[in-house]
PDB file of N, CA and C in Angstrom:
ATOM      1  N   MET A   1      61.695  35.556 115.287  1.00  0.00           N
ATOM      2  CA  MET A   1      62.631  36.537 116.193  1.00  0.00           C
ATOM      3  C   MET A   1      61.703  37.183 117.184  1.00  0.00           C
ATOM      4  N   ARG A   2      62.173  36.837 118.728  1.00  0.00           N
ATOM      5  CA  ARG A   2      61.611  37.818 119.637  1.00  0.00           C
ATOM      6  C   ARG A   2      61.846  39.246 119.667  1.00  0.00           C
ATOM      7  N   ALA A   3      60.886  40.030 120.055  1.00  0.00           N
ATOM      8  CA  ALA A   3      61.099  41.408 120.330  1.00  0.00           C
ATOM      9  C   ALA A   3      62.003  41.687 121.460  1.00  0.00           C
ATOM     10  N   ILE A   4      62.876  42.965 121.128  1.00  0.00           N
ATOM     11  CA  ILE A   4      63.823  43.143 122.246  1.00  0.00           C
ATOM     12  C   ILE A   4      63.185  44.207 122.884  1.00  0.00           C
ATOM     13  N   ASP A   5      63.268  44.323 124.511  1.00  0.00           N
ATOM     14  CA  ASP A   5      62.554  45.414 125.064  1.00  0.00           C
ATOM     15  C   ASP A   5      63.616  46.540 125.136  1.00  0.00           C
ATOM     16  N   LEU A   6      63.518  47.533 124.461  1.00  0.00           N
ATOM     17  CA  LEU A   6      64.403  49.008 124.572  1.00  0.00           C
ATOM     18  C   LEU A   6      64.037  50.000 125.527  1.00  0.00           C
ATOM     19  N   THR A   7      62.945  49.396 126.298  1.00  0.00           N
ATOM     20  CA  THR A   7      62.455  50.909 127.170  1.00  0.00           C
ATOM     21  C   THR A   7      63.512  51.494 128.102  1.00  0.00           C
ATOM     22  N   ASN A   8      64.576  50.577 128.429  1.00  0.00           N
ATOM     23  CA  ASN A   8      65.393  50.744 129.779  1.00  0.00           C
ATOM     24  C   ASN A   8      66.846  51.036 129.228  1.00  0.00           C
ATOM     25  N   VAL A   9      66.908  50.660 128.031  1.00  0.00           N
ATOM     26  CA  VAL A   9      68.574  50.934 127.609  1.00  0.00           C
ATOM     27  C   VAL A   9      68.826  52.243 127.412  1.00  0.00           C
ATOM     28  N   THR A  10      70.265  52.433 127.855  1.00  0.00           N
ATOM     29  CA  THR A  10      70.987  53.768 127.745  1.00  0.00           C
ATOM     30  C   THR A  10      71.543  53.979 126.409  1.00  0.00           C
ATOM     31  N   TRP A  11      70.913  55.197 125.771  1.00  0.00           N
ATOM     32  CA  TRP A  11      71.502  55.594 124.713  1.00  0.00           C
ATOM     33  C   TRP A  11      72.521  56.260 124.429  1.00  0.00           C
ATOM     34  N   ARG A  12      73.443  56.157 123.762  1.00  0.00           N
ATOM     35  CA  ARG A  12      74.834  57.057 123.577  1.00  0.00           C
ATOM     36  C   ARG A  12      74.839  57.600 122.065  1.00  0.00           C
ATOM     37  N   LYS A  13      75.093  59.014 121.998  1.00  0.00           N
ATOM     38  CA  LYS A  13      75.307  59.473 120.671  1.00  0.00           C
ATOM     39  C   LYS A  13      76.683  59.250 120.108  1.00  0.00           C
ATOM     40  N   SER A  14      76.658  58.969 119.005  1.00  0.00           N
ATOM     41  CA  SER A  14      77.912  58.545 118.067  1.00  0.00           C
ATOM     42  C   SER A  14      78.736  59.884 118.206  1.00  0.00           C
ATOM     43  N   SER A  15      80.169  59.530 118.268  1.00  0.00           N
ATOM     44  CA  SER A  15      81.204  60.542 118.211  1.00  0.00           C
ATOM     45  C   SER A  15      81.100  61.259 116.891  1.00  0.00           C
ATOM     46  N   TYR A  16      80.610  60.511 115.915  1.00  0.00           N
ATOM     47  CA  TYR A  16      80.662  60.966 114.388  1.00  0.00           C
ATOM     48  C   TYR A  16      79.469  61.786 114.153  1.00  0.00           C
ATOM     49  N   SER A  17      78.612  61.736 115.180  1.00  0.00           N
ATOM     50  CA  SER A  17      77.207  62.558 114.561  1.00  0.00           C
ATOM     51  C   SER A  17      77.749  64.247 114.712  1.00  0.00           C
ATOM     52  N   ASN A  18      76.945  64.880 113.984  1.00  0.00           N
ATOM     53  CA  ASN A  18      76.873  66.199 113.502  1.00  0.00           C
ATOM     54  C   ASN A  18      76.729  67.101 114.933  1.00  0.00           C
ATOM     55  N   PRO A  19      77.755  67.881 115.471  1.00  0.00           N
ATOM     56  CA  PRO A  19      77.423  68.617 116.780  1.00  0.00           C
ATOM     57  C   PRO A  19      76.229  69.604 116.497  1.00  0.00           C
ATOM     58  N   ASP A  20      75.925  69.952 115.511  1.00  0.00           N
ATOM     59  CA  ASP A  20      74.714  71.212 115.384  1.00  0.00           C
ATOM     60  C   ASP A  20      73.222  70.745 115.579  1.00  0.00           C
ATOM     61  N   GLY A  21      73.224  69.221 115.722  1.00  0.00           N
ATOM     62  CA  GLY A  21      72.025  68.584 115.837  1.00  0.00           C
ATOM     63  C   GLY A  21      71.607  67.733 114.713  1.00  0.00           C
ATOM     64  N   GLY A  22      72.123  67.988 113.465  1.00  0.00           N
ATOM     65  CA  GLY A  22      71.741  67.244 112.241  1.00  0.00           C
ATOM     66  C   GLY A  22      72.599  66.019 112.287  1.00  0.00           C
ATOM     67  N   ASN A  23      72.124  65.058 111.290  1.00  0.00           N
ATOM     68  CA  ASN A  23      72.680  63.766 111.194  1.00  0.00           C
ATOM     69  C   ASN A  23      73.272  62.965 112.323  1.00  0.00           C
ATOM     70  N   CYS A  24      72.364  62.708 113.195  1.00  0.00           N
ATOM     71  CA  CYS A  24      72.629  62.217 114.766  1.00  0.00           C
ATOM     72  C   CYS A  24      72.485  60.781 114.547  1.00  0.00           C
ATOM     73  N   VAL A  25      73.136  59.995 115.306  1.00  0.00           N
ATOM     74  CA  VAL A  25      72.948  58.521 115.656  1.00  0.00           C
ATOM     75  C   VAL A  25      73.212  58.186 116.767  1.00  0.00           C
ATOM     76  N   GLU A  26      72.613  57.401 117.415  1.00  0.00           N
ATOM     77  CA  GLU A  26      72.412  56.860 118.862  1.00  0.00           C
ATOM     78  C   GLU A  26      72.662  55.544 118.883  1.00  0.00           C
ATOM     79  N   PHE A  27      73.394  54.744 119.771  1.00  0.00           N
ATOM     80  CA  PHE A  27      73.166  53.216 119.852  1.00  0.00           C
ATOM     81  C   PHE A  27      73.380  53.050 121.431  1.00  0.00           C
ATOM     82  N   ALA A  28      73.043  51.935 121.486  1.00  0.00           N
ATOM     83  CA  ALA A  28      73.011  51.216 122.919  1.00  0.00           C
ATOM     84  C   ALA A  28      73.639  50.254 123.369  1.00  0.00           C
ATOM     85  N   PRO A  29      74.853  50.376 123.831  1.00  0.00           N
ATOM     86  CA  PRO A  29      75.888  49.370 123.806  1.00  0.00           C
ATOM     87  C   PRO A  29      76.144  48.477 124.986  1.00  0.00           C
ATOM     88  N   ASN A  30      74.815  48.657 125.938  1.00  0.00           N
ATOM     89  CA  ASN A  30      74.782  47.907 127.110  1.00  0.00           C
ATOM     90  C   ASN A  30      73.788  46.543 126.870  1.00  0.00           C
ATOM     91  N   LEU A  31      73.668  45.996 125.656  1.00  0.00           N
ATOM     92  CA  LEU A  31      72.883  44.856 125.883  1.00  0.00           C
ATOM     93  C   LEU A  31      73.767  43.781 125.294  1.00  0.00           C
ATOM     94  N   PRO A  32      73.397  42.685 125.806  1.00  0.00           N
ATOM     95  CA  PRO A  32      74.239  41.365 125.422  1.00  0.00           C
ATOM     96  C   PRO A  32      73.696  41.092 123.996  1.00  0.00           C
ATOM     97  N   ALA A  33      74.811  40.319 123.141  1.00  0.00           N
ATOM     98  CA  ALA A  33      74.673  40.102 122.010  1.00  0.00           C
ATOM     99  C   ALA A  33      74.099  40.956 120.732  1.00  0.00           C
ATOM    100  N   VAL A  34      73.711  42.367 120.956  1.00  0.00           N
ATOM    101  CA  VAL A  34      73.218  42.888 119.882  1.00  0.00           C
ATOM    102  C   VAL A  34      73.265  44.417 120.341  1.00  0.00           C
ATOM    103  N   VAL A  35      73.438  45.186 119.193  1.00  0.00           N
ATOM    104  CA  VAL A  35      73.429  46.664 119.195  1.00  0.00           C
ATOM    105  C   VAL A  35      72.592  47.402 118.811  1.00  0.00           C
ATOM    106  N   PRO A  36      71.211  48.014 119.384  1.00  0.00           N
ATOM    107  CA  PRO A  36      70.609  48.855 118.719  1.00  0.00           C
ATOM    108  C   PRO A  36      70.758  50.001 118.226  1.00  0.00           C
ATOM    109  N   VAL A  37      70.485  50.557 117.193  1.00  0.00           N
ATOM    110  CA  VAL A  37      71.035  51.945 116.788  1.00  0.00           C
ATOM    111  C   VAL A  37      69.745  52.661 116.150  1.00  0.00           C
ATOM    112  N   ARG A  38      69.451  53.985 116.304  1.00  0.00           N
ATOM    113  CA  ARG A  38      68.323  54.749 115.991  1.00  0.00           C
ATOM    114  C   ARG A  38      68.843  56.215 115.735  1.00  0.00           C
ATOM    115  N   ASP A  39      67.679  56.938 114.764  1.00  0.00           N
ATOM    116  CA  ASP A  39      68.108  58.268 114.552  1.00  0.00           C
ATOM    117  C   ASP A  39      67.858  59.141 115.680  1.00  0.00           C
ATOM    118  N   THR A  40      68.636  60.044 116.174  1.00  0.00           N
ATOM    119  CA  THR A  40      68.303  60.750 117.433  1.00  0.00           C
ATOM    120  C   THR A  40      67.085  61.616 117.220  1.00  0.00           C
ATOM    121  N   LYS A  41      66.789  62.291 116.062  1.00  0.00           N
ATOM    122  CA  LYS A  41      66.064  63.027 115.759  1.00  0.00           C
ATOM    123  C   LYS A  41      64.545  62.408 115.629  1.00  0.00           C
ATOM    124  N   ASN A  42      64.622  61.269 115.306  1.00  0.00           N
ATOM    125  CA  ASN A  42      63.390  60.599 114.752  1.00  0.00           C
ATOM    126  C   ASN A  42      63.401  59.232 115.694  1.00  0.00           C
ATOM    127  N   PRO A  43      63.658  59.185 116.812  1.00  0.00           N
ATOM    128  CA  PRO A  43      63.442  57.746 117.623  1.00  0.00           C
ATOM    129  C   PRO A  43      62.281  56.719 117.498  1.00  0.00           C
ATOM    130  N   ALA A  44      61.125  57.535 117.265  1.00  0.00           N
ATOM    131  CA  ALA A  44      59.774  56.873 117.183  1.00  0.00           C
ATOM    132  C   ALA A  44      59.988  55.895 115.644  1.00  0.00           C
ATOM    133  N   HIS A  45      60.793  56.398 114.917  1.00  0.00           N
ATOM    134  CA  HIS A  45      60.736  55.978 113.499  1.00  0.00           C
ATOM    135  C   HIS A  45      61.337  54.378 113.093  1.00  0.00           C
ATOM    136  N   GLY A  46      61.801  53.919 114.557  1.00  0.00           N
ATOM    137  CA  GLY A  46      62.147  52.640 114.424  1.00  0.00           C
ATOM    138  C   GLY A  46      63.752  52.557 114.904  1.00  0.00           C
ATOM    139  N   THR A  47      64.045  51.452 115.058  1.00  0.00           N
ATOM    140  CA  THR A  47      65.538  50.945 115.602  1.00  0.00           C
ATOM    141  C   THR A  47      66.108  49.730 114.654  1.00  0.00           C
ATOM    142  N   LEU A  48      67.364  50.068 114.319  1.00  0.00           N
ATOM    143  CA  LEU A  48      68.096  49.001 113.611  1.00  0.00           C
ATOM    144  C   LEU A  48      68.489  48.081 114.603  1.00  0.00           C
ATOM    145  N   ILE A  49      68.730  46.804 114.634  1.00  0.00           N
ATOM    146  CA  ILE A  49      69.367  45.768 115.554  1.00  0.00           C
ATOM    147  C   ILE A  49      70.356  45.065 115.008  1.00  0.00           C
ATOM    148  N   PHE A  50      71.438  45.447 115.289  1.00  0.00           N
ATOM    149  CA  PHE A  50      72.931  44.530 115.031  1.00  0.00           C
ATOM    150  C   PHE A  50      73.506  43.746 115.787  1.00  0.00           C
ATOM    151  N   GLY A  51      73.773  42.464 115.013  1.00  0.00           N
ATOM    152  CA  GLY A  51      74.691  41.871 115.889  1.00  0.00           C
ATOM    153  C   GLY A  51      75.765  42.170 116.332  1.00  0.00           C
ATOM    154  N   LEU A  52      76.356  41.740 117.347  1.00  0.00           N
ATOM    155  CA  LEU A  52      77.785  42.093 117.698  1.00  0.00           C
ATOM    156  C   LEU A  52      79.119  42.016 116.841  1.00  0.00           C
ATOM    157  N   ALA A  53      79.146  41.107 115.957  1.00  0.00           N
ATOM    158  CA  ALA A  53      80.246  40.882 114.977  1.00  0.00           C
ATOM    159  C   ALA A  53      79.878  41.616 113.909  1.00  0.00           C
ATOM    160  N   ALA A  54      78.645  41.994 113.408  1.00  0.00           N
ATOM    161  CA  ALA A  54      78.161  43.047 112.359  1.00  0.00           C
ATOM    162  C   ALA A  54      78.477  44.371 112.795  1.00  0.00           C
ATOM    163  N   TRP A  55      78.002  44.805 113.890  1.00  0.00           N
ATOM    164  CA  TRP A  55      78.575  46.139 114.421  1.00  0.00           C
ATOM    165  C   TRP A  55      80.073  46.203 114.862  1.00  0.00           C
ATOM    166  N   SER A  56      80.582  45.308 115.154  1.00  0.00           N
ATOM    167  CA  SER A  56      82.266  45.637 115.143  1.00  0.00           C
ATOM    168  C   SER A  56      82.751  45.812 113.840  1.00  0.00           C
ATOM    169  N   GLU A  57      82.366  44.971 112.897  1.00  0.00           N
ATOM    170  CA  GLU A  57      83.056  45.323 111.605  1.00  0.00           C
ATOM    171  C   GLU A  57      82.501  46.583 110.967  1.00  0.00           C
ATOM    172  N   PHE A  58      81.239  46.990 111.116  1.00  0.00           N
ATOM    173  CA  PHE A  58      80.828  48.458 110.683  1.00  0.00           C
ATOM    174  C   PHE A  58      81.708  49.564 111.556  1.00  0.00           C
ATOM    175  N   VAL A  59      81.857  49.393 112.679  1.00  0.00           N
ATOM    176  CA  VAL A  59      82.640  50.584 113.535  1.00  0.00           C
ATOM    177  C   VAL A  59      83.958  50.447 113.112  1.00  0.00           C
ATOM    178  N   GLY A  60      84.626  48.927 112.828  1.00  0.00           N
ATOM    179  CA  GLY A  60      86.049  49.130 112.289  1.00  0.00           C
ATOM    180  C   GLY A  60      86.137  49.866 111.032  1.00  0.00           C
ATOM    181  N   SER A  61      85.059  49.704 110.008  1.00  0.00           N
ATOM    182  CA  SER A  61      85.260  50.351 108.716  1.00  0.00           C
ATOM    183  C   SER A  61      85.135  51.793 108.713  1.00  0.00           C
ATOM    184  N   VAL A  62      84.394  52.314 109.706  1.00  0.00           N
ATOM    185  CA  VAL A  62      84.176  53.693 109.909  1.00  0.00           C
ATOM    186  C   VAL A  62      85.258  54.284 110.181  1.00  0.00           C
ATOM    187  N   LYS A  63      85.840  53.781 111.545  1.00  0.00           N
ATOM    188  CA  LYS A  63      87.035  54.141 111.807  1.00  0.00           C
ATOM    189  C   LYS A  63      88.360  54.380 110.801  1.00  0.00           C
ATOM    190  N   GLY A  64      88.404  53.289 110.100  1.00  0.00           N
ATOM    191  CA  GLY A  64      89.459  53.135 108.990  1.00  0.00           C
ATOM    192  C   GLY A  64      89.396  54.170 107.894  1.00  0.00           C
ATOM    193  N   GLN A  65      88.232  55.010 107.943  1.00  0.00           N
ATOM    194  CA  GLN A  65      88.173  56.046 106.745  1.00  0.00           C
ATOM    195  C   GLN A  65      88.792  57.176 107.211  1.00  0.00           C
TER     196      GLN A  65
END
């Protein structure tokens, strides 16, 4: 698998993130075929990369709760 350049992506904080700064998740919805996700408080700790189908299923599950 090739590396994905994330240096110029636009990160967006999840609407489900805690407004007081805890438990924050950011994602970058502007890449083709993948959605990177990271911890707002610790972005240097790495990024999870989801395929579009997996991301859609995850978001649908979260919205259904």
